[in-house]
Amino acid sequence: MGYPYSHASEVSIISKHFGDPDARTLEGWKKRGGYEGLQKALQMGPEEVIELVKDSGLRGRGGAGFPTGLKWSFMPKDSKKPHYLLCNADESEPGTFKDRELLRWAPHQLIEGCAIGAYAIGAEQIYIYCRGEFFEANQVLAKAVEDAYEAGILGQDVFGSGKRIELTVHAGAGAYICGEETGLMNSLEGRRGEPRIKPPFPAAAGLFGLPTTINNVETLSAIPHIVAKGSDWYRKWGTEDSPGTKLFCVSGHVRRPGNYELPLGFPLKELINEVCGGVVDGNALKAVIPGGSSVPILSADQVEDCLLSYEGVQEAGSMLGCASVIVMDETTDVVHQVMRMSSFYAHESCGQCTPCREGTAWVTNILKKLLAGKGTEEDLTTLMELTDQMTGTTICVLSDSVAAPVQSSIKYFREDYQKLIKGGEVNG
């Protein structure tokens, strides 16, 4: 098996060198074709690079799935102001563990993608905002940045091209909200990590009030391969609307949890039963969260025909998000798991918006009341009404992230709630 597990269905592009210590070094990365994409990009015009990324159909891998090339094209072309590229490496969504592996095993891949992106949007300064808890991965990345500077890959004269690209690694302090792009910018500026009202959007007024583009680690890690091999090559995998490959973080009740790089559009059922070896102990599947804890939960019936693309998961009734697949078998108390999610979001709310600050705490308290055997049917009505008021009423989507699992769990697993109301155990 590969690192830690691998499967014949995988298409290893950005994860190809996971588990290979030599690939983390500058010389090792160069031996594997590293920095060929950056050198090729420097021979192209910035607009050509943007058009190439547009043609590839690459969509943001941080959760929203917005087309990357289109996002880059929003940066002003005639502005004399400095531009910034920010890499969001503040991976904090429960169930997600892909970006830290990209930092740990392929730091130069990320650096190369950042440099290409900076060149394309006219930025001379890159910031990689890393989750503070990723101590080892952040050290690996920092060493790779130092080596890139010494080799002239970063700095005043990138590969002798006359282009200046600087890169700074910044470690966060453990706040989930700083994974939201405007909260990340506030934190970088030394301010409280709170989301900003949009507009203005970052491309108009971002970091330090200047034009800024923010991309996820996985998004930028795909860029060198697309530039080196072309958009048609990248479109060999995936679907028309969701081209390429995606890292799927699978956890929960499966025999082989881990990161798997698969073509977008891969069947969710096949991921669970074939790639991950099936549900543990021969138990029946009960529920799956397909995109991290902030998206609606799918029932076992919905999993049957679900395809893992942005449009496919939406058709099934949820969102692909950051493709963090959390598998739950028949022994799972869904109410307890939803309470754990809401408790996390209540703790991580920045408190700026009333529906989020108050709503997340109230939802958590009602769920705890139900789990203590003191709930009523009226509490379910209250939860639905409360989460309705929390959806689309706040500056960022943290409040919506509580509403999605609560509402979907009541819709598809109401019997779990009713057993608690009647004084029984969910799996008793």
Protein backbone atom coordinates (compact mmCIF):
# COMPACT_ATOMS: atom_id res chain seq x y z
CA MET A 1 0.00 0.00 0.00
CA GLY A 2 1.04 3.60 -0.50
CA TYR A 3 1.11 6.39 2.06
CA PRO A 4 -0.74 5.60 4.25
CA TYR A 5 -3.11 3.79 1.89
CA SER A 6 -3.49 3.95 -1.87
CA HIS A 7 -5.89 2.53 -4.43
CA ALA A 8 -5.82 1.75 -8.14
CA SER A 9 -8.59 4.29 -8.78
CA GLU A 10 -6.40 7.16 -7.65
CA VAL A 11 -4.92 9.72 -10.05
CA SER A 12 -1.95 11.03 -8.09
CA ILE A 13 -0.94 14.47 -9.32
CA ILE A 14 -0.57 16.80 -6.36
CA SER A 15 -0.33 13.88 -3.90
CA LYS A 16 2.12 11.85 -5.96
CA HIS A 17 5.02 12.28 -3.55
CA PHE A 18 3.21 11.94 -0.22
CA GLY A 19 5.43 9.89 2.09
CA ASP A 20 8.62 10.61 0.10
CA PRO A 21 11.04 12.66 2.27
CA ASP A 22 13.38 13.40 -0.65
CA ALA A 23 10.56 15.21 -2.51
CA ARG A 24 10.48 17.79 0.29
CA THR A 25 13.98 19.01 -0.59
CA LEU A 26 14.69 21.52 -3.32
CA GLU A 27 16.97 19.19 -5.28
CA GLY A 28 14.57 16.31 -4.84
CA TRP A 29 11.69 18.42 -6.11
CA LYS A 30 13.68 19.58 -9.13
CA LYS A 31 14.54 15.95 -9.98
CA ARG A 32 10.80 15.29 -10.07
CA GLY A 33 10.15 18.12 -12.54
CA GLY A 34 9.71 20.83 -9.95
CA TYR A 35 9.74 24.50 -10.99
CA GLU A 36 9.38 23.68 -14.68
CA GLY A 37 5.89 25.19 -14.52
CA LEU A 38 7.20 28.44 -13.01
CA GLN A 39 9.93 28.76 -15.61
CA LYS A 40 7.39 28.17 -18.36
CA ALA A 41 5.01 30.76 -16.88
CA LEU A 42 7.78 33.37 -16.81
CA GLN A 43 8.14 32.94 -20.59
CA MET A 44 4.42 33.68 -21.00
CA GLY A 45 2.55 36.90 -20.41
CA PRO A 46 0.54 37.16 -17.17
CA GLU A 47 -2.71 37.24 -19.17
CA GLU A 48 -1.71 34.05 -20.97
CA VAL A 49 -1.23 32.30 -17.64
CA ILE A 50 -4.65 33.45 -16.45
CA GLU A 51 -6.29 32.28 -19.67
CA LEU A 52 -4.57 28.88 -19.35
CA VAL A 53 -5.91 28.45 -15.82
CA LYS A 54 -9.36 29.56 -17.01
CA ASP A 55 -9.28 26.99 -19.81
CA SER A 56 -8.31 24.24 -17.36
CA GLY A 57 -11.55 24.81 -15.45
CA LEU A 58 -9.75 24.60 -12.09
CA ARG A 59 -12.13 25.54 -9.29
CA GLY A 60 -11.14 26.70 -5.83
CA ARG A 61 -10.46 23.74 -3.56
CA GLY A 62 -11.08 25.58 -0.30
CA GLY A 63 -14.82 24.92 -0.32
CA ALA A 64 -16.61 27.46 -2.50
CA GLY A 65 -15.50 25.97 -5.83
CA PHE A 66 -15.19 29.37 -7.56
CA PRO A 67 -13.28 29.25 -10.89
CA THR A 68 -9.64 30.10 -10.14
CA GLY A 69 -8.74 31.76 -13.44
CA LEU A 70 -11.84 33.95 -13.24
CA LYS A 71 -10.92 35.00 -9.70
CA TRP A 72 -7.42 35.94 -10.89
CA SER A 73 -8.88 37.98 -13.75
CA PHE A 74 -10.73 40.22 -11.26
CA MET A 75 -7.44 41.79 -10.16
CA PRO A 76 -7.07 45.31 -11.61
CA LYS A 77 -4.68 45.48 -14.57
CA ASP A 78 -3.99 49.22 -14.71
CA SER A 79 -3.59 49.86 -10.99
CA LYS A 80 -0.28 51.26 -9.79
CA LYS A 81 -1.00 49.95 -6.30
CA PRO A 82 0.86 46.90 -4.96
CA HIS A 83 -1.00 43.60 -5.35
CA TYR A 84 -0.99 40.69 -2.89
CA LEU A 85 -1.47 36.94 -3.23
CA LEU A 86 -2.58 35.16 -0.07
CA CYS A 87 -2.50 31.40 0.37
CA ASN A 88 -5.05 30.17 2.87
CA ALA A 89 -3.38 27.32 4.79
CA ASP A 90 -5.50 27.79 7.93
CA GLU A 91 -7.11 24.37 7.54
CA SER A 92 -9.48 24.08 10.51
CA GLU A 93 -12.72 22.55 9.17
CA PRO A 94 -13.56 19.41 11.20
CA GLY A 95 -12.87 16.37 9.05
CA THR A 96 -10.29 18.11 6.82
CA PHE A 97 -6.64 17.04 6.68
CA LYS A 98 -5.44 17.52 3.10
CA ASP A 99 -3.66 20.89 3.18
CA ARG A 100 -1.37 19.89 6.04
CA GLU A 101 -0.16 16.90 4.02
CA LEU A 102 0.53 19.13 1.02
CA LEU A 103 2.56 21.42 3.29
CA ARG A 104 4.35 18.48 4.88
CA TRP A 105 5.26 16.46 1.78
CA ALA A 106 5.23 18.88 -1.16
CA PRO A 107 6.15 22.36 0.11
CA HIS A 108 7.95 23.34 -3.11
CA GLN A 109 4.87 22.41 -5.13
CA LEU A 110 2.93 25.01 -3.13
CA ILE A 111 5.70 27.60 -3.38
CA GLU A 112 5.81 27.12 -7.16
CA GLY A 113 2.04 27.48 -7.45
CA CYS A 114 2.12 30.63 -5.32
CA ALA A 115 4.89 32.14 -7.45
CA ILE A 116 2.99 31.41 -10.69
CA GLY A 117 -0.16 32.91 -9.22
CA ALA A 118 1.70 36.02 -8.04
CA TYR A 119 3.23 36.50 -11.48
CA ALA A 120 -0.16 36.12 -13.16
CA ILE A 121 -1.94 38.72 -11.00
CA GLY A 122 0.99 41.14 -10.81
CA ALA A 123 1.76 40.60 -7.12
CA GLU A 124 5.27 40.99 -5.72
CA GLN A 125 4.35 39.80 -2.22
CA ILE A 126 2.88 36.44 -1.18
CA TYR A 127 1.70 35.52 2.30
CA ILE A 128 1.02 31.90 3.26
CA TYR A 129 -1.23 32.00 6.32
CA CYS A 130 -0.72 28.67 8.12
CA ARG A 131 -2.74 27.12 10.88
CA GLY A 132 -0.71 27.59 14.06
CA GLU A 133 -1.22 23.98 15.19
CA PHE A 134 0.59 22.67 12.08
CA PHE A 135 3.93 22.95 13.84
CA GLU A 136 5.86 20.31 11.90
CA ALA A 137 4.34 21.18 8.52
CA ASN A 138 5.03 24.88 9.06
CA GLN A 139 8.68 24.14 9.80
CA VAL A 140 8.97 22.05 6.63
CA LEU A 141 7.43 24.88 4.61
CA ALA A 142 9.64 27.55 6.18
CA LYS A 143 12.78 25.53 5.33
CA ALA A 144 11.58 25.11 1.73
CA VAL A 145 11.03 28.88 1.44
CA GLU A 146 14.57 29.54 2.71
CA ASP A 147 15.99 27.11 0.14
CA ALA A 148 13.94 28.72 -2.65
CA TYR A 149 15.34 32.14 -1.74
CA GLU A 150 18.93 30.82 -1.72
CA ALA A 151 18.41 29.29 -5.18
CA GLY A 152 17.02 32.53 -6.66
CA ILE A 153 13.55 31.03 -7.12
CA LEU A 154 12.15 33.72 -4.84
CA GLY A 155 13.39 37.23 -4.26
CA GLN A 156 14.43 40.20 -6.38
CA ASP A 157 15.18 38.32 -9.61
CA VAL A 158 13.15 35.11 -9.95
CA PHE A 159 15.05 32.68 -12.20
CA GLY A 160 16.90 35.66 -13.71
CA SER A 161 13.67 37.01 -15.19
CA GLY A 162 13.87 40.42 -13.56
CA LYS A 163 10.61 39.68 -11.73
CA ARG A 164 10.47 40.24 -7.97
CA ILE A 165 8.40 37.82 -5.88
CA GLU A 166 8.68 37.77 -2.10
CA LEU A 167 7.06 35.12 0.13
CA THR A 168 6.32 35.27 3.85
CA VAL A 169 5.05 32.38 5.98
CA HIS A 170 2.73 33.56 8.76
CA ALA A 171 1.48 31.24 11.51
CA GLY A 172 -2.00 31.88 12.86
CA ALA A 173 -2.98 31.51 16.51
CA GLY A 174 -5.61 28.80 16.30
CA ALA A 175 -8.79 30.67 15.33
CA TYR A 176 -11.13 28.84 12.95
CA ILE A 177 -12.66 32.13 11.79
CA CYS A 178 -9.31 33.17 10.30
CA GLY A 179 -9.87 30.55 7.61
CA GLU A 180 -12.55 32.90 6.23
CA GLU A 181 -10.68 35.03 3.70
CA THR A 182 -11.49 38.46 5.11
CA GLY A 183 -10.95 37.28 8.68
CA LEU A 184 -7.56 36.00 7.49
CA MET A 185 -6.71 39.45 6.11
CA ASN A 186 -7.69 41.15 9.37
CA SER A 187 -5.47 38.73 11.28
CA LEU A 188 -2.54 39.35 8.93
CA GLU A 189 -2.92 43.07 9.53
CA GLY A 190 -2.62 42.48 13.28
CA ARG A 191 -6.29 43.08 13.98
CA ARG A 192 -8.97 40.94 15.54
CA GLY A 193 -9.82 37.96 13.31
CA GLU A 194 -13.30 38.98 12.19
CA PRO A 195 -14.87 38.74 8.72
CA ARG A 196 -15.43 41.95 6.77
CA ILE A 197 -18.59 43.07 5.04
CA LYS A 198 -18.38 42.71 1.25
CA PRO A 199 -18.26 44.72 -0.93
CA PRO A 200 -15.58 45.89 -1.23
CA PHE A 201 -14.24 42.54 -2.38
CA PRO A 202 -10.57 41.64 -1.85
CA ALA A 203 -9.67 42.24 -5.52
CA ALA A 204 -10.66 45.89 -5.02
CA ALA A 205 -9.65 46.46 -1.39
CA GLY A 206 -8.08 43.51 0.39
CA LEU A 207 -4.97 43.22 2.55
CA PHE A 208 -3.94 46.68 3.80
CA GLY A 209 -6.72 48.05 1.58
CA LEU A 210 -4.91 46.93 -1.60
CA PRO A 211 -5.89 44.53 -4.44
CA THR A 212 -5.66 40.95 -3.13
CA THR A 213 -6.38 37.41 -4.30
CA ILE A 214 -6.82 34.54 -1.81
CA ASN A 215 -6.45 30.89 -2.86
CA ASN A 216 -6.41 27.60 -0.98
CA VAL A 217 -3.30 25.37 -0.62
CA GLU A 218 -4.77 22.61 -2.80
CA THR A 219 -5.80 25.07 -5.51
CA LEU A 220 -2.32 26.57 -5.79
CA SER A 221 -0.67 23.13 -5.62
CA ALA A 222 -2.43 22.16 -8.86
CA ILE A 223 -1.23 25.26 -10.74
CA PRO A 224 2.36 24.10 -11.59
CA HIS A 225 1.05 20.92 -13.22
CA ILE A 226 -1.58 22.78 -15.25
CA VAL A 227 0.94 25.33 -16.52
CA ALA A 228 3.59 22.70 -17.30
CA LYS A 229 1.26 20.23 -19.05
CA GLY A 230 -1.63 22.34 -20.31
CA SER A 231 -5.34 22.76 -19.75
CA ASP A 232 -6.38 19.89 -22.05
CA TRP A 233 -4.18 17.53 -20.05
CA TYR A 234 -5.89 18.61 -16.81
CA ARG A 235 -9.34 18.19 -18.31
CA LYS A 236 -8.66 14.50 -19.01
CA TRP A 237 -10.08 13.92 -15.52
CA GLY A 238 -13.24 15.07 -13.82
CA THR A 239 -16.43 16.40 -15.37
CA GLU A 240 -17.21 19.29 -17.71
CA ASP A 241 -18.20 21.55 -14.81
CA SER A 242 -15.72 20.11 -12.30
CA PRO A 243 -12.50 19.26 -14.17
CA GLY A 244 -9.40 17.64 -12.72
CA THR A 245 -8.69 15.71 -9.55
CA LYS A 246 -9.51 16.38 -5.92
CA LEU A 247 -8.08 15.26 -2.61
CA PHE A 248 -10.77 13.54 -0.55
CA CYS A 249 -10.17 13.34 3.20
CA VAL A 250 -12.07 10.30 4.43
CA SER A 251 -12.59 9.69 8.14
CA GLY A 252 -15.06 7.93 10.40
CA HIS A 253 -16.35 4.37 10.21
CA VAL A 254 -14.33 3.07 7.25
CA ARG A 255 -11.57 0.46 7.20
CA ARG A 256 -9.01 2.63 5.41
CA PRO A 257 -9.40 6.33 6.28
CA GLY A 258 -7.01 8.81 4.68
CA ASN A 259 -6.38 11.17 1.78
CA TYR A 260 -7.25 9.91 -1.70
CA GLU A 261 -6.73 11.88 -4.91
CA LEU A 262 -9.51 10.95 -7.31
CA PRO A 263 -11.10 12.40 -10.45
CA LEU A 264 -13.99 14.71 -9.66
CA GLY A 265 -17.25 12.92 -10.39
CA PHE A 266 -16.08 9.73 -8.65
CA PRO A 267 -19.01 7.79 -7.08
CA LEU A 268 -19.29 8.36 -3.33
CA LYS A 269 -20.48 4.80 -2.80
CA GLU A 270 -17.40 3.45 -4.56
CA LEU A 271 -15.13 5.69 -2.50
CA ILE A 272 -16.54 4.22 0.71
CA ASN A 273 -16.88 0.56 -0.33
CA GLU A 274 -13.95 0.07 -2.69
CA VAL A 275 -11.30 2.72 -2.08
CA CYS A 276 -11.74 2.84 1.70
CA GLY A 277 -12.48 -0.86 2.14
CA GLY A 278 -16.08 -0.51 3.29
CA VAL A 279 -17.73 0.31 6.59
CA VAL A 280 -16.04 -1.08 9.71
CA ASP A 281 -17.16 -4.32 11.35
CA GLY A 282 -19.58 -5.07 8.51
CA ASN A 283 -22.03 -2.51 9.86
CA ALA A 284 -24.60 -0.79 7.67
CA LEU A 285 -23.99 2.75 6.46
CA LYS A 286 -26.17 5.34 8.20
CA ALA A 287 -24.99 8.81 7.12
CA VAL A 288 -22.22 10.66 5.30
CA ILE A 289 -21.06 14.26 5.52
CA PRO A 290 -19.49 14.79 2.07
CA GLY A 291 -17.74 18.15 2.43
CA GLY A 292 -16.69 18.87 6.00
CA SER A 293 -18.89 19.50 9.02
CA SER A 294 -20.48 22.66 7.63
CA VAL A 295 -22.52 21.00 4.87
CA PRO A 296 -25.83 19.07 4.99
CA ILE A 297 -25.66 15.42 6.05
CA LEU A 298 -26.62 12.78 3.49
CA SER A 299 -28.61 9.65 4.37
CA ALA A 300 -27.49 6.22 3.17
CA ASP A 301 -30.14 6.34 0.43
CA GLN A 302 -28.77 9.64 -0.90
CA VAL A 303 -25.27 8.18 -1.05
CA GLU A 304 -26.32 5.52 -3.58
CA ASP A 305 -26.22 7.72 -6.68
CA CYS A 306 -24.09 10.62 -5.42
CA LEU A 307 -21.17 11.65 -7.64
CA LEU A 308 -18.34 13.57 -6.01
CA SER A 309 -18.30 16.70 -8.14
CA TYR A 310 -19.51 20.18 -7.22
CA GLU A 311 -22.69 19.69 -9.22
CA GLY A 312 -23.09 16.01 -8.30
CA VAL A 313 -23.11 16.52 -4.53
CA GLN A 314 -25.43 19.48 -4.93
CA GLU A 315 -27.88 17.28 -6.85
CA ALA A 316 -27.72 14.75 -4.01
CA GLY A 317 -28.73 17.43 -1.51
CA SER A 318 -25.48 18.66 0.00
CA MET A 319 -22.24 20.44 -1.02
CA LEU A 320 -18.79 19.15 -1.94
CA GLY A 321 -17.14 21.86 0.17
CA CYS A 322 -13.57 20.91 0.95
CA ALA A 323 -14.32 17.23 0.18
CA SER A 324 -13.94 16.01 3.75
CA VAL A 325 -15.97 12.81 3.75
CA ILE A 326 -17.09 11.78 7.24
CA VAL A 327 -18.65 8.31 7.26
CA MET A 328 -21.08 7.23 10.01
CA ASP A 329 -22.38 3.69 10.48
CA GLU A 330 -25.56 2.38 12.08
CA THR A 331 -24.13 2.66 15.60
CA THR A 332 -23.88 6.46 15.32
CA ASP A 333 -25.97 8.78 17.46
CA VAL A 334 -26.55 11.51 14.87
CA VAL A 335 -27.90 13.96 17.47
CA HIS A 336 -24.73 13.65 19.51
CA GLN A 337 -22.55 14.22 16.43
CA VAL A 338 -24.54 17.30 15.40
CA MET A 339 -24.22 18.63 18.95
CA ARG A 340 -20.43 18.22 18.72
CA MET A 341 -20.41 20.18 15.46
CA SER A 342 -22.59 22.99 16.79
CA SER A 343 -20.51 23.14 19.96
CA PHE A 344 -17.38 23.61 17.85
CA TYR A 345 -18.94 26.46 15.87
CA ALA A 346 -20.31 28.09 19.02
CA HIS A 347 -16.79 28.08 20.44
CA GLU A 348 -15.22 29.40 17.23
CA SER A 349 -17.77 32.15 16.48
CA CYS A 350 -16.06 35.54 16.52
CA GLY A 351 -19.22 37.00 18.07
CA GLN A 352 -19.53 39.86 15.59
CA CYS A 353 -23.01 38.92 14.27
CA THR A 354 -25.92 38.38 16.67
CA PRO A 355 -27.55 35.41 14.83
CA CYS A 356 -24.23 33.54 15.00
CA ARG A 357 -23.09 34.63 18.46
CA GLU A 358 -26.44 33.85 20.09
CA GLY A 359 -27.78 31.24 17.67
CA THR A 360 -24.85 28.82 17.81
CA ALA A 361 -24.96 28.79 21.63
CA TRP A 362 -28.75 28.31 21.74
CA VAL A 363 -28.64 25.48 19.20
CA THR A 364 -25.94 23.73 21.22
CA ASN A 365 -27.87 24.11 24.47
CA ILE A 366 -31.09 22.72 22.94
CA LEU A 367 -29.20 19.73 21.51
CA LYS A 368 -27.61 19.07 24.90
CA LYS A 369 -31.06 19.25 26.47
CA LEU A 370 -32.33 16.64 24.00
CA LEU A 371 -29.35 14.36 24.68
CA ALA A 372 -30.02 14.66 28.42
CA GLY A 373 -33.51 13.21 27.83
CA LYS A 374 -35.28 16.49 28.67
CA GLY A 375 -36.34 17.48 25.15
CA THR A 376 -39.75 17.81 23.55
CA GLU A 377 -41.16 17.84 20.01
CA GLU A 378 -41.40 21.61 20.37
CA ASP A 379 -37.61 21.74 20.62
CA LEU A 380 -37.35 20.36 17.08
CA THR A 381 -39.62 23.13 15.82
CA THR A 382 -37.50 25.66 17.70
CA LEU A 383 -34.31 24.27 16.18
CA MET A 384 -35.71 24.56 12.66
CA GLU A 385 -36.98 28.11 13.22
CA LEU A 386 -33.77 29.18 14.93
CA THR A 387 -31.51 27.82 12.20
CA ASP A 388 -33.73 29.42 9.54
CA GLN A 389 -33.00 32.77 11.17
CA MET A 390 -29.27 31.96 11.24
CA THR A 391 -29.06 31.27 7.50
CA GLY A 392 -27.96 34.09 5.20
CA THR A 393 -28.19 36.73 7.93
CA THR A 394 -24.53 37.08 8.92
CA ILE A 395 -21.34 38.51 7.43
CA CYS A 396 -19.73 35.10 6.87
CA VAL A 397 -21.20 31.60 6.64
CA LEU A 398 -20.18 30.25 10.05
CA SER A 399 -23.77 30.63 11.23
CA ASP A 400 -25.00 28.76 8.13
CA SER A 401 -22.48 26.02 8.97
CA VAL A 402 -24.49 25.17 12.08
CA ALA A 403 -27.83 25.36 10.32
CA ALA A 404 -26.90 22.88 7.56
CA PRO A 405 -26.18 19.80 9.73
CA VAL A 406 -29.00 20.60 12.17
CA GLN A 407 -31.69 20.95 9.52
CA SER A 408 -30.55 17.97 7.45
CA SER A 409 -30.29 15.74 10.53
CA ILE A 410 -33.84 16.58 11.62
CA LYS A 411 -35.05 15.99 8.07
CA TYR A 412 -33.38 12.62 7.50
CA PHE A 413 -32.79 11.27 11.03
CA ARG A 414 -35.78 12.55 12.93
CA GLU A 415 -36.21 9.15 14.54
CA ASP A 416 -32.93 9.68 16.44
CA TYR A 417 -34.37 12.85 17.95
CA GLN A 418 -37.72 11.24 18.72
CA LYS A 419 -36.11 8.31 20.54
CA LEU A 420 -34.38 10.80 22.82
CA ILE A 421 -37.62 12.70 23.37
CA LYS A 422 -39.37 9.43 24.31
CA GLY A 423 -36.65 8.66 26.82
CA GLY A 424 -34.89 5.87 24.94
CA GLU A 425 -31.37 5.54 23.60
CA VAL A 426 -30.74 6.21 19.93
CA ASN A 427 -28.99 2.89 19.42
CA GLY A 428 -30.36 1.12 22.45
